[in-house]
Amino acid sequence: TLLTDGLQPTWFEMTESPQFKANVFWCMVLYGMLSFPFLMFQLPFFLSVLTHSDPSGFNRHGACVPFGLEPVKTQEVAGAAMEAGSSYSTWYAAANTITTLLR
């Protein structure tokens, strides 16, 4: 190898060495362990308790507004599915019924 000749190894030679792969592995393990405490911020209950804030977002005009999903225009989607004549229309009808019941 080039290391025994006293020359600098190429990038390919360095990345293929077992020592390099072991170093990358242990860096990934350390990164994962150090990021573990922030896992609580991914849980909705703990996010509101720890930050004391409500989810918000920005509308089209740039104003900060409470978080909410855009309403689905059910009639337009149902009409498009029926016109297509696909099996999608049966799935959409079932999902629409379930959504209506849950509201």
Protein backbone atom coordinates (compact mmCIF):
# COMPACT_ATOMS: atom_id res chain seq x y z
CA THR A 1 0.00 0.00 0.00
CA LEU A 2 0.95 3.62 -0.23
CA LEU A 3 1.14 3.98 3.55
CA THR A 4 4.17 1.69 3.74
CA ASP A 5 5.90 3.68 0.99
CA GLY A 6 5.60 6.90 2.96
CA LEU A 7 3.22 8.54 0.49
CA GLN A 8 -0.13 10.10 1.32
CA PRO A 9 -3.09 7.74 0.78
CA THR A 10 -5.84 8.70 -1.60
CA TRP A 11 -9.36 9.43 -0.41
CA PHE A 12 -10.56 6.07 -1.72
CA GLU A 13 -7.86 4.20 0.17
CA MET A 14 -8.69 6.04 3.38
CA THR A 15 -12.43 5.38 3.17
CA GLU A 16 -11.92 1.69 2.47
CA SER A 17 -9.76 1.07 5.54
CA PRO A 18 -11.38 -0.75 8.48
CA GLN A 19 -10.16 1.91 10.91
CA PHE A 20 -11.94 4.68 8.99
CA LYS A 21 -15.18 2.66 8.92
CA ALA A 22 -14.90 2.01 12.67
CA ASN A 23 -14.35 5.72 13.35
CA VAL A 24 -17.43 6.66 11.31
CA PHE A 25 -19.49 4.02 13.12
CA TRP A 26 -18.52 5.29 16.57
CA CYS A 27 -19.14 8.89 15.51
CA MET A 28 -22.66 7.91 14.47
CA VAL A 29 -23.21 6.10 17.78
CA LEU A 30 -22.00 9.12 19.76
CA TYR A 31 -24.19 11.48 17.69
CA GLY A 32 -27.22 9.28 18.34
CA MET A 33 -26.56 9.13 22.07
CA LEU A 34 -26.10 12.90 22.33
CA SER A 35 -29.33 13.56 20.43
CA PHE A 36 -31.38 11.20 22.63
CA PRO A 37 -32.49 13.90 25.15
CA PHE A 38 -34.13 15.85 22.32
CA LEU A 39 -36.40 12.91 21.50
CA MET A 40 -38.90 14.25 24.04
CA PHE A 41 -39.53 17.29 21.82
CA GLN A 42 -40.97 14.97 19.16
CA LEU A 43 -43.81 13.89 21.47
CA PRO A 44 -46.76 16.33 21.26
CA PHE A 45 -47.56 16.40 24.99
CA PHE A 46 -43.98 17.03 26.09
CA LEU A 47 -43.49 19.66 23.40
CA SER A 48 -46.28 21.82 24.82
CA VAL A 49 -45.20 21.21 28.43
CA LEU A 50 -41.52 21.94 27.84
CA THR A 51 -41.86 24.92 25.50
CA HIS A 52 -45.17 26.39 26.75
CA SER A 53 -46.10 27.27 23.18
CA ASP A 54 -48.84 26.40 20.73
CA PRO A 55 -48.15 25.08 17.24
CA SER A 56 -48.37 27.85 14.69
CA GLY A 57 -47.53 28.46 11.08
CA PHE A 58 -47.53 31.13 8.42
CA ASN A 59 -50.32 31.78 5.95
CA ARG A 60 -49.92 32.91 2.34
CA HIS A 61 -49.56 36.54 3.41
CA GLY A 62 -46.76 35.84 5.88
CA ALA A 63 -48.81 36.30 9.04
CA CYS A 64 -48.25 33.90 11.93
CA VAL A 65 -51.49 31.98 12.52
CA PRO A 66 -52.55 28.99 14.67
CA PHE A 67 -51.71 25.66 13.06
CA GLY A 68 -54.49 24.11 11.03
CA LEU A 69 -54.87 21.93 8.00
CA GLU A 70 -56.49 23.34 4.91
CA PRO A 71 -60.06 22.15 4.45
CA VAL A 72 -60.51 19.39 1.90
CA LYS A 73 -62.91 20.16 -0.92
CA THR A 74 -64.72 16.83 -0.82
CA GLN A 75 -67.13 17.48 -3.66
CA GLU A 76 -64.39 18.33 -6.15
CA VAL A 77 -62.27 15.33 -5.24
CA ALA A 78 -65.25 12.98 -5.30
CA GLY A 79 -66.34 14.28 -8.68
CA ALA A 80 -62.88 13.81 -10.14
CA ALA A 81 -62.70 10.27 -8.76
CA MET A 82 -66.09 9.34 -10.18
CA GLU A 83 -65.18 10.77 -13.58
CA ALA A 84 -61.98 8.75 -13.66
CA GLY A 85 -63.99 5.55 -13.13
CA SER A 86 -61.19 3.92 -11.16
CA SER A 87 -61.23 1.79 -8.04
CA TYR A 88 -60.01 4.93 -6.29
CA SER A 89 -63.63 6.10 -6.07
CA THR A 90 -64.64 3.22 -3.79
CA TRP A 91 -61.69 3.85 -1.49
CA TYR A 92 -62.45 7.54 -1.47
CA ALA A 93 -66.12 6.91 -0.62
CA ALA A 94 -65.12 4.70 2.32
CA ALA A 95 -62.57 7.23 3.59
CA ASN A 96 -65.06 10.07 3.20
CA THR A 97 -67.67 8.15 5.21
CA ILE A 98 -65.19 7.41 8.00
CA THR A 99 -64.02 11.03 8.08
CA THR A 100 -67.60 12.25 8.31
CA LEU A 101 -68.32 9.86 11.19
CA LEU A 102 -65.24 10.97 13.09
CA ARG A 103 -66.17 14.63 12.85
